[in-house]
Amino acid sequence: MTLTTADPGVLQRPELVTEIPGPKSREIHARRERAVPRGVGCALPIYVDHADGAWLTDVDGNRLLDLGSGIGVTTLGHTQPAVVAAAKEQLDRVSHTLFTVTPYENYVRLAERLAQHTPGAHAKKTFFVNSGAEAVENAVKIARAHTGRRVVAALDHAFHGRTNLTMAMNHRAAPYGTGFGPFAPDVQRVPNSYPLRDGLTGPQAAARTIEYLEQRIGASDIAAVIAEPIQGEGGFVVPAEGYLPALQEWATANGVVFIADEIQAGLGRTGTWFASELFGLVPDLVLTAKGIADGLPLAGITGRAEIMDSALPGGLGGTFGGNPVSIAAAHAVLDLLETGGPFAEAARIEEALTRGLRELARDHAAIGDIRGHGAMIAFELVEPSTAAPLAGLAADIAAHAARRGVLLLTAGSYGNVVRFLPSLAVTDAQIDYALEVIAEALPD
């Protein structure tokens, strides 16, 4: 399966007919400021009219290259035809029935398929909720029920959501937690592996994390350790080789549930079914959301059967969790992934992006690190002489790119990372254009 096209008639550069944002977007944004709380942020105030593949078309008629995909949601492209067809067909049959009251087969079949594709050959079970944060909350509930323990350990630079529990698990207080306390108790944050910043090997970084877990918390009180195999909001931090397996081995030896938050990195994004596979990791619980239904709200918790059965009947669920339309879309996503084509596209994108970014780095010393896998690539900006985080430049690059018709996302605990989360429909020519635009905004 090929998601891209080499047709020379296909648009390879943005089409801008007004300034960005245009007059219609500005008018809607003024209405937004009167009607929507300021806490609902806005990275780029262009208002989308329609989308397809790697493109967003705003209400002013500007066509922008989307390298964010709704923060990694539309992995297979906007309005992917097979996903749209599956959702439409399901809408004509049943739009909603609560699975815990009157169930339906597609929910069961999707659980079976996730058991097949998540890491490990052990028996697994899955249930579905609406969002990534809900998946995290439910994974913690299950881990506590299974172990009879209370503490959850999250890694430095992590991001897990905006609910009360997940706010307590995040690395950054502002803006995600500022003013919203008190937070959920029994959450501890521990050092992670960040090769650019700590210079440690995977085993060394794991030893540091484990020492903290044992001495500052105590293994007997820990229900779960949760880790993003590649950290998302933290700046696409890729751990040193051996870090995650060592942490998992310690968790298993101490009766601690190891949770892999694959919400941003899973389901084809990194060129594999799950990013855990890149590190030889077989988690106890795997969390999915974002790309699982290519734009429809759905999230899943998949885990070892004996752990997943720890909750009493009625202890898990939710009115809209596993909605039939979202479930149908997810089946279409898995059908496409099972062809293998999306994994090849992710590898192509990784090669194009990393090659282009390395060429930029030769001329621009502010690019201190290039990292990631598949269609999940980032570069970190540093002071060339000290490697200290270069705050502010990432936002400047994103603003310049927007004016040139390219939507980029920033990230990182220091606000100094530009991240690429394109759909797998993006072409090499479109990537090359984005890199040209970035070069314009980089200091010499």
Protein backbone atom coordinates (compact mmCIF):
# COMPACT_ATOMS: atom_id res chain seq x y z
CA MET A 1 0.00 0.00 0.00
CA THR A 2 1.24 3.46 -0.89
CA LEU A 3 -0.15 6.52 0.88
CA THR A 4 1.80 9.07 -1.17
CA THR A 5 1.87 9.91 -4.85
CA ALA A 6 4.67 10.82 -7.23
CA ASP A 7 2.21 12.45 -9.67
CA PRO A 8 3.85 15.74 -10.69
CA GLY A 9 0.40 17.32 -10.81
CA VAL A 10 -0.10 16.77 -7.09
CA LEU A 11 0.46 19.86 -4.97
CA GLN A 12 3.91 19.74 -3.37
CA ARG A 13 4.02 23.24 -1.88
CA PRO A 14 1.47 25.26 0.04
CA GLU A 15 -0.93 27.57 -1.78
CA LEU A 16 -1.40 30.86 0.06
CA VAL A 17 -3.99 33.39 -1.12
CA THR A 18 -3.94 35.62 1.98
CA GLU A 19 -1.58 36.38 4.82
CA ILE A 20 -1.51 33.83 7.65
CA PRO A 21 -3.87 34.02 9.45
CA GLY A 22 -6.26 35.42 6.86
CA PRO A 23 -9.17 37.81 7.43
CA LYS A 24 -11.85 35.15 7.88
CA SER A 25 -9.68 33.26 10.36
CA ARG A 26 -9.01 36.47 12.28
CA GLU A 27 -12.72 37.21 12.47
CA ILE A 28 -13.51 33.73 13.80
CA HIS A 29 -10.62 34.01 16.24
CA ALA A 30 -12.08 37.22 17.65
CA ARG A 31 -15.34 35.34 18.22
CA ARG A 32 -13.40 32.50 19.81
CA GLU A 33 -11.78 34.85 22.32
CA ARG A 34 -15.26 35.95 23.43
CA ALA A 35 -16.75 32.45 23.59
CA VAL A 36 -13.95 29.99 24.48
CA PRO A 37 -11.82 30.08 27.67
CA ARG A 38 -8.24 31.25 27.21
CA GLY A 39 -7.04 28.02 28.82
CA VAL A 40 -7.96 26.27 25.57
CA GLY A 41 -4.78 27.37 23.83
CA CYS A 42 -4.19 27.99 20.14
CA ALA A 43 -0.87 27.29 18.44
CA LEU A 44 -1.89 28.77 15.09
CA PRO A 45 -5.16 30.72 14.67
CA ILE A 46 -6.06 29.46 11.22
CA TYR A 47 -9.54 27.96 11.09
CA VAL A 48 -9.77 24.79 9.05
CA ASP A 49 -12.50 24.28 6.46
CA HIS A 50 -11.43 20.89 5.12
CA ALA A 51 -8.44 18.58 4.99
CA ASP A 52 -7.04 15.73 2.91
CA GLY A 53 -3.85 13.72 3.09
CA ALA A 54 -1.12 16.03 4.41
CA TRP A 55 -3.06 19.26 3.68
CA LEU A 56 -5.23 21.63 5.67
CA THR A 57 -7.36 24.19 3.82
CA ASP A 58 -8.51 27.11 5.93
CA VAL A 59 -11.62 29.26 5.67
CA ASP A 60 -9.67 31.83 3.64
CA GLY A 61 -8.71 29.26 1.01
CA ASN A 62 -5.07 28.87 2.08
CA ARG A 63 -3.74 25.35 1.72
CA LEU A 64 -1.14 24.54 4.40
CA LEU A 65 1.21 21.59 4.76
CA ASP A 66 0.34 19.86 8.03
CA LEU A 67 3.38 18.35 9.74
CA GLY A 68 1.57 17.93 13.06
CA SER A 69 -1.36 15.65 12.18
CA GLY A 70 -3.45 16.86 15.11
CA ILE A 71 -0.45 16.00 17.34
CA GLY A 72 0.04 12.58 15.84
CA VAL A 73 -3.60 11.58 15.33
CA THR A 74 -4.15 11.41 11.56
CA THR A 75 -1.19 9.11 10.99
CA LEU A 76 -2.63 7.70 7.76
CA GLY A 77 -3.66 11.13 6.49
CA HIS A 78 -6.63 13.44 6.82
CA THR A 79 -9.93 11.94 5.60
CA GLN A 80 -8.25 8.64 4.75
CA PRO A 81 -10.77 7.02 2.36
CA ALA A 82 -10.91 3.57 3.95
CA VAL A 83 -11.34 5.04 7.44
CA VAL A 84 -14.06 7.44 6.28
CA ALA A 85 -15.91 4.64 4.48
CA ALA A 86 -15.83 2.39 7.55
CA ALA A 87 -17.13 5.16 9.81
CA LYS A 88 -19.91 6.10 7.38
CA GLU A 89 -21.04 2.51 7.04
CA GLN A 90 -21.17 2.09 10.80
CA LEU A 91 -23.15 5.33 11.20
CA ASP A 92 -25.84 3.86 8.97
CA ARG A 93 -26.04 0.77 11.20
CA VAL A 94 -25.59 1.83 14.85
CA SER A 95 -24.08 5.11 16.05
CA HIS A 96 -24.00 4.22 19.73
CA THR A 97 -24.87 1.55 22.23
CA LEU A 98 -23.10 1.20 25.54
CA PHE A 99 -20.86 -1.88 25.36
CA THR A 100 -21.36 -2.70 29.04
CA VAL A 101 -25.15 -2.84 28.51
CA THR A 102 -25.74 -4.12 24.98
CA PRO A 103 -22.38 -5.14 23.49
CA TYR A 104 -21.32 -5.60 19.86
CA GLU A 105 -18.86 -7.90 18.13
CA ASN A 106 -16.57 -5.27 16.58
CA TYR A 107 -15.42 -4.21 20.07
CA VAL A 108 -14.45 -7.81 20.86
CA ARG A 109 -12.73 -8.25 17.50
CA LEU A 110 -10.67 -5.08 17.95
CA ALA A 111 -9.57 -6.31 21.38
CA GLU A 112 -8.48 -9.57 19.76
CA ARG A 113 -6.51 -7.72 17.08
CA LEU A 114 -4.68 -5.53 19.59
CA ALA A 115 -3.77 -8.65 21.57
CA GLN A 116 -2.21 -9.98 18.38
CA HIS A 117 -0.20 -6.88 17.53
CA THR A 118 0.99 -5.52 20.89
CA PRO A 119 4.41 -6.81 22.06
CA GLY A 120 4.64 -10.24 23.63
CA ALA A 121 2.99 -13.63 23.04
CA HIS A 122 1.28 -13.84 26.45
CA ALA A 123 -2.51 -13.87 26.91
CA LYS A 124 -3.92 -10.32 26.77
CA LYS A 125 -7.17 -8.47 27.24
CA THR A 126 -8.24 -4.97 26.12
CA PHE A 127 -10.92 -2.44 26.91
CA PHE A 128 -11.62 0.92 25.32
CA VAL A 129 -12.10 4.49 26.50
CA ASN A 130 -12.19 7.88 24.78
CA SER A 131 -8.82 9.55 25.23
CA GLY A 132 -5.18 9.04 26.10
CA ALA A 133 -5.58 10.55 29.56
CA GLU A 134 -8.44 8.14 30.29
CA ALA A 135 -6.23 5.27 29.20
CA VAL A 136 -3.51 6.37 31.61
CA GLU A 137 -5.98 6.76 34.49
CA ASN A 138 -7.43 3.32 33.90
CA ALA A 139 -4.02 1.69 33.60
CA VAL A 140 -3.12 3.10 37.02
CA LYS A 141 -6.41 1.82 38.46
CA ILE A 142 -5.70 -1.66 37.12
CA ALA A 143 -2.10 -1.67 38.35
CA ARG A 144 -3.19 -0.64 41.84
CA ALA A 145 -5.93 -3.26 41.91
CA HIS A 146 -3.50 -5.94 40.77
CA THR A 147 -0.66 -5.12 43.16
CA GLY A 148 -2.53 -3.75 46.16
CA ARG A 149 0.03 -0.93 46.15
CA ARG A 150 -0.43 2.81 45.76
CA VAL A 151 2.57 4.65 44.22
CA VAL A 152 2.91 5.39 40.51
CA ALA A 153 6.36 6.36 39.21
CA ALA A 154 6.58 8.52 36.09
CA LEU A 155 9.74 9.64 34.30
CA ASP A 156 11.20 13.12 34.11
CA HIS A 157 10.14 15.01 30.95
CA ALA A 158 6.98 12.88 30.67
CA PHE A 159 3.56 14.05 29.58
CA HIS A 160 0.51 11.88 30.25
CA GLY A 161 -2.52 14.20 30.12
CA ARG A 162 -4.57 16.96 31.70
CA THR A 163 -6.79 15.13 34.19
CA ASN A 164 -6.11 15.45 37.91
CA LEU A 165 -4.08 12.24 38.11
CA THR A 166 -2.18 12.75 34.86
CA MET A 167 -1.33 16.36 35.73
CA ALA A 168 0.47 14.99 38.76
CA MET A 169 2.42 12.65 36.47
CA ASN A 170 3.59 15.34 34.04
CA HIS A 171 7.08 16.81 34.18
CA ARG A 172 6.07 20.39 33.46
CA ALA A 173 3.82 22.33 35.81
CA ALA A 174 3.19 25.25 33.45
CA PRO A 175 0.85 25.39 31.70
CA TYR A 176 -0.61 21.96 32.38
CA GLY A 177 -0.88 22.10 36.14
CA THR A 178 -0.49 25.72 37.19
CA GLY A 179 -3.29 26.73 39.56
CA PHE A 180 -5.13 23.40 39.35
CA GLY A 181 -3.99 21.73 42.59
CA PRO A 182 -4.20 19.94 44.88
CA PHE A 183 -3.10 17.02 42.75
CA ALA A 184 -3.57 13.30 43.09
CA PRO A 185 -1.27 11.82 45.76
CA ASP A 186 1.14 8.89 45.53
CA VAL A 187 2.70 9.97 42.25
CA GLN A 188 6.49 10.18 42.09
CA ARG A 189 8.66 11.43 39.23
CA VAL A 190 12.01 9.77 38.70
CA PRO A 191 15.04 10.43 36.44
CA ASN A 192 14.85 9.20 32.86
CA SER A 193 17.39 8.54 30.11
CA TYR A 194 18.11 11.71 28.10
CA PRO A 195 21.37 11.06 26.22
CA LEU A 196 21.95 14.63 25.06
CA ARG A 197 21.57 15.99 28.59
CA ASP A 198 22.92 13.25 30.89
CA GLY A 199 25.57 11.55 28.74
CA LEU A 200 24.77 8.19 30.33
CA THR A 201 24.57 4.78 28.71
CA GLY A 202 21.30 2.90 28.95
CA PRO A 203 22.47 0.68 31.84
CA GLN A 204 23.91 3.69 33.69
CA ALA A 205 20.69 5.67 33.31
CA ALA A 206 18.64 2.66 34.38
CA ALA A 207 20.79 2.20 37.47
CA ARG A 208 20.17 5.84 38.39
CA THR A 209 16.39 5.45 37.94
CA ILE A 210 16.32 2.20 39.90
CA GLU A 211 18.34 3.68 42.75
CA TYR A 212 15.77 6.45 43.04
CA LEU A 213 12.88 3.96 42.93
CA GLU A 214 14.40 1.82 45.65
CA GLN A 215 15.84 4.46 47.96
CA ARG A 216 13.47 7.41 47.57
CA ILE A 217 10.21 5.48 47.20
CA GLY A 218 10.67 1.80 48.06
CA ALA A 219 9.85 -1.00 45.66
CA SER A 220 7.25 -2.55 47.97
CA ASP A 221 5.03 0.55 47.67
CA ILE A 222 5.19 0.93 43.88
CA ALA A 223 2.20 -0.26 41.86
CA ALA A 224 3.45 0.84 38.45
CA VAL A 225 6.20 2.48 36.46
CA ILE A 226 4.90 4.29 33.38
CA ALA A 227 7.10 5.30 30.46
CA GLU A 228 6.67 6.69 26.98
CA PRO A 229 9.12 4.63 24.90
CA ILE A 230 9.80 7.87 23.01
CA GLN A 231 8.70 10.89 25.02
CA GLY A 232 6.30 13.13 23.14
CA GLU A 233 5.76 16.51 24.76
CA GLY A 234 9.14 16.12 26.42
CA GLY A 235 10.78 16.60 23.03
CA PHE A 236 10.89 13.14 21.38
CA VAL A 237 13.53 12.04 23.86
CA VAL A 238 14.82 8.63 22.76
CA PRO A 239 16.32 6.66 25.66
CA ALA A 240 19.79 5.17 25.42
CA GLU A 241 19.97 1.56 24.30
CA GLY A 242 19.26 -0.87 27.11
CA TYR A 243 17.52 1.63 29.39
CA LEU A 244 13.92 0.49 29.02
CA PRO A 245 14.60 -3.29 29.12
CA ALA A 246 16.64 -2.85 32.32
CA LEU A 247 13.83 -0.85 33.88
CA GLN A 248 11.28 -3.45 32.84
CA GLU A 249 13.43 -6.29 34.20
CA TRP A 250 13.63 -4.51 37.56
CA ALA A 251 9.86 -3.92 37.58
CA THR A 252 9.09 -7.58 36.87
CA ALA A 253 11.50 -8.77 39.55
CA ASN A 254 9.84 -6.49 42.11
CA GLY A 255 6.19 -7.14 41.25
CA VAL A 256 5.74 -3.69 39.69
CA VAL A 257 3.48 -3.27 36.65
CA PHE A 258 5.34 -1.74 33.69
CA ILE A 259 3.08 0.52 31.60
CA ALA A 260 4.11 1.67 28.12
CA ASP A 261 2.35 4.88 27.12
CA GLU A 262 2.28 4.37 23.34
CA ILE A 263 -0.39 7.00 22.84
CA GLN A 264 1.76 9.16 20.54
CA ALA A 265 4.37 6.67 19.33
CA GLY A 266 2.28 3.57 18.68
CA LEU A 267 0.47 2.06 15.69
CA GLY A 268 2.83 2.71 12.82
CA ARG A 269 4.09 6.15 13.78
CA THR A 270 7.67 4.97 14.39
CA GLY A 271 7.76 2.44 11.55
CA THR A 272 6.71 -0.48 13.76
CA TRP A 273 3.44 -1.52 15.32
CA PHE A 274 4.65 -0.13 18.63
CA ALA A 275 7.72 1.86 19.59
CA SER A 276 8.39 -0.63 22.39
CA GLU A 277 9.57 -3.06 19.72
CA LEU A 278 12.45 -0.72 18.85
CA PHE A 279 13.87 -1.21 22.34
CA GLY A 280 13.17 -4.90 22.93
CA LEU A 281 10.49 -3.97 25.44
CA VAL A 282 7.51 -6.21 26.34
CA PRO A 283 5.36 -4.10 28.70
CA ASP A 284 2.71 -5.44 31.05
CA LEU A 285 0.21 -2.83 29.83
CA VAL A 286 0.23 -0.93 26.52
CA LEU A 287 -1.78 2.26 26.02
CA THR A 288 -3.06 3.38 22.64
CA ALA A 289 -4.99 6.45 21.47
CA LYS A 290 -4.35 9.24 18.91
CA GLY A 291 -3.70 7.31 15.67
CA ILE A 292 -5.76 4.26 16.60
CA ALA A 293 -8.82 5.56 14.72
CA ASP A 294 -7.13 8.19 12.50
CA GLY A 295 -9.14 11.10 13.84
CA LEU A 296 -12.06 9.60 15.72
CA PRO A 297 -11.97 9.53 19.55
CA LEU A 298 -10.78 6.18 20.86
CA ALA A 299 -8.17 4.83 23.26
CA GLY A 300 -7.29 1.38 24.48
CA ILE A 301 -5.64 -0.36 27.41
CA THR A 302 -4.16 -3.74 26.44
CA GLY A 303 -2.40 -5.89 28.99
CA ARG A 304 -1.59 -9.23 30.51
CA ALA A 305 -4.85 -11.06 31.08
CA GLU A 306 -4.19 -11.74 34.75
CA ILE A 307 -3.50 -8.05 35.39
CA MET A 308 -6.44 -6.79 33.34
CA ASP A 309 -8.81 -9.08 35.26
CA SER A 310 -7.88 -7.47 38.60
CA ALA A 311 -10.77 -4.98 38.51
CA LEU A 312 -14.20 -6.13 39.65
CA PRO A 313 -17.09 -6.21 37.14
CA GLY A 314 -18.34 -2.66 36.72
CA GLY A 315 -15.04 -1.18 37.81
CA LEU A 316 -14.02 -0.37 34.24
CA GLY A 317 -15.96 1.28 31.46
CA GLY A 318 -17.58 4.56 30.43
CA THR A 319 -20.56 5.72 28.42
CA PHE A 320 -18.76 6.45 25.15
CA GLY A 321 -15.72 4.18 25.54
CA GLY A 322 -15.41 2.00 22.46
CA ASN A 323 -18.12 3.81 20.51
CA PRO A 324 -19.10 1.67 17.47
CA VAL A 325 -18.17 4.34 14.90
CA SER A 326 -14.71 4.85 16.39
CA ILE A 327 -14.25 1.08 16.65
CA ALA A 328 -15.12 0.68 12.96
CA ALA A 329 -12.58 3.36 12.04
CA ALA A 330 -9.93 1.59 14.12
CA HIS A 331 -10.53 -1.65 12.24
CA ALA A 332 -9.89 0.21 8.98
CA VAL A 333 -6.64 1.59 10.45
CA LEU A 334 -5.48 -1.89 11.47
CA ASP A 335 -6.43 -3.25 8.06
CA LEU A 336 -4.13 -0.69 6.44
CA LEU A 337 -1.31 -1.31 8.92
CA GLU A 338 -1.51 -5.04 8.31
CA THR A 339 -0.61 -4.49 4.65
CA GLY A 340 2.83 -3.30 5.82
CA GLY A 341 2.73 -0.27 3.54
CA PRO A 342 2.51 2.35 6.30
CA PHE A 343 5.67 0.99 7.94
CA ALA A 344 7.57 1.45 4.69
CA GLU A 345 6.25 5.01 4.41
CA ALA A 346 7.38 5.78 7.96
CA ALA A 347 10.87 4.51 7.13
CA ARG A 348 10.93 6.68 3.99
CA ILE A 349 9.91 9.75 5.99
CA GLU A 350 12.55 9.05 8.64
CA GLU A 351 15.25 8.84 5.99
CA ALA A 352 14.14 12.04 4.23
CA LEU A 353 13.81 14.05 7.41
CA THR A 354 16.99 12.91 9.13
CA ARG A 355 19.05 13.32 5.95
CA GLY A 356 17.74 16.84 5.42
CA LEU A 357 18.16 17.84 9.05
CA ARG A 358 21.75 16.59 9.12
CA GLU A 359 22.48 18.75 6.10
CA LEU A 360 21.00 21.74 7.93
CA ALA A 361 23.01 20.92 11.06
CA ARG A 362 26.26 21.17 9.10
CA ASP A 363 25.54 24.84 8.44
CA HIS A 364 23.62 25.72 11.61
CA ALA A 365 25.36 24.91 14.89
CA ALA A 366 22.17 25.65 16.85
CA ILE A 367 20.89 22.20 15.89
CA GLY A 368 22.37 20.21 18.75
CA ASP A 369 20.57 16.91 18.35
CA ILE A 370 18.44 15.10 15.75
CA ARG A 371 16.48 12.14 17.04
CA GLY A 372 13.44 9.94 16.65
CA HIS A 373 12.13 7.07 14.59
CA GLY A 374 9.81 6.81 11.60
CA ALA A 375 7.48 9.76 11.22
CA MET A 376 8.35 10.96 14.73
CA ILE A 377 11.49 13.06 14.31
CA ALA A 378 12.72 16.15 16.17
CA PHE A 379 15.68 18.46 16.44
CA GLU A 380 16.79 20.19 19.63
CA LEU A 381 18.14 23.74 19.56
CA VAL A 382 21.13 24.61 21.74
CA GLU A 383 23.61 27.38 22.37
CA PRO A 384 26.49 26.25 20.13
CA SER A 385 29.21 27.05 22.65
CA THR A 386 27.62 25.48 25.74
CA ALA A 387 24.86 23.11 24.48
CA ALA A 388 22.50 24.90 26.87
CA PRO A 389 18.88 24.87 25.72
CA LEU A 390 18.19 27.68 23.24
CA ALA A 391 14.76 28.81 24.39
CA GLY A 392 12.55 30.82 22.06
CA LEU A 393 14.06 29.85 18.72
CA ALA A 394 11.73 26.87 18.25
CA ALA A 395 8.69 29.12 18.53
CA ASP A 396 10.26 31.59 16.10
CA ILE A 397 10.86 28.81 13.58
CA ALA A 398 7.28 27.58 13.91
CA ALA A 399 5.92 31.11 13.44
CA HIS A 400 8.06 31.66 10.33
CA ALA A 401 6.99 28.30 8.92
CA ALA A 402 3.32 29.16 9.43
CA ARG A 403 3.72 32.36 7.41
CA ARG A 404 5.17 30.20 4.63
CA GLY A 405 2.33 27.70 4.79
CA VAL A 406 3.86 24.95 6.95
CA LEU A 407 2.38 23.84 10.26
CA LEU A 408 5.12 22.77 12.70
CA LEU A 409 4.89 21.76 16.34
CA THR A 410 7.26 22.68 19.13
CA ALA A 411 8.00 20.60 22.23
CA GLY A 412 10.54 19.96 24.96
CA SER A 413 10.74 20.74 28.64
CA TYR A 414 12.89 23.75 27.73
CA GLY A 415 10.75 24.86 24.79
CA ASN A 416 13.67 24.30 22.42
CA VAL A 417 12.56 21.38 20.26
CA VAL A 418 10.88 21.36 16.85
CA ARG A 419 9.05 18.08 16.25
CA PHE A 420 7.71 16.50 13.09
CA LEU A 421 4.56 14.36 13.29
CA PRO A 422 3.52 14.26 9.63
CA SER A 423 0.97 11.88 8.25
CA LEU A 424 2.41 9.01 6.29
CA ALA A 425 0.88 10.63 3.20
CA VAL A 426 3.52 13.38 3.16
CA THR A 427 5.83 13.28 0.13
CA ASP A 428 9.59 13.75 -0.02
CA ALA A 429 9.10 16.95 -2.04
CA GLN A 430 6.82 18.34 0.67
CA ILE A 431 9.42 17.48 3.30
CA ASP A 432 12.12 19.19 1.26
CA TYR A 433 10.02 22.35 1.08
CA ALA A 434 9.51 22.33 4.85
CA LEU A 435 13.24 21.99 5.39
CA GLU A 436 13.89 24.95 3.06
CA VAL A 437 11.51 27.03 5.16
CA ILE A 438 13.18 25.98 8.41
CA ALA A 439 16.59 26.89 7.00
CA GLU A 440 15.34 30.43 6.41
CA ALA A 441 14.62 30.84 10.13
CA LEU A 442 17.79 29.26 11.55
CA PRO A 443 20.64 31.51 12.70
CA ASP A 444 23.92 31.21 10.80
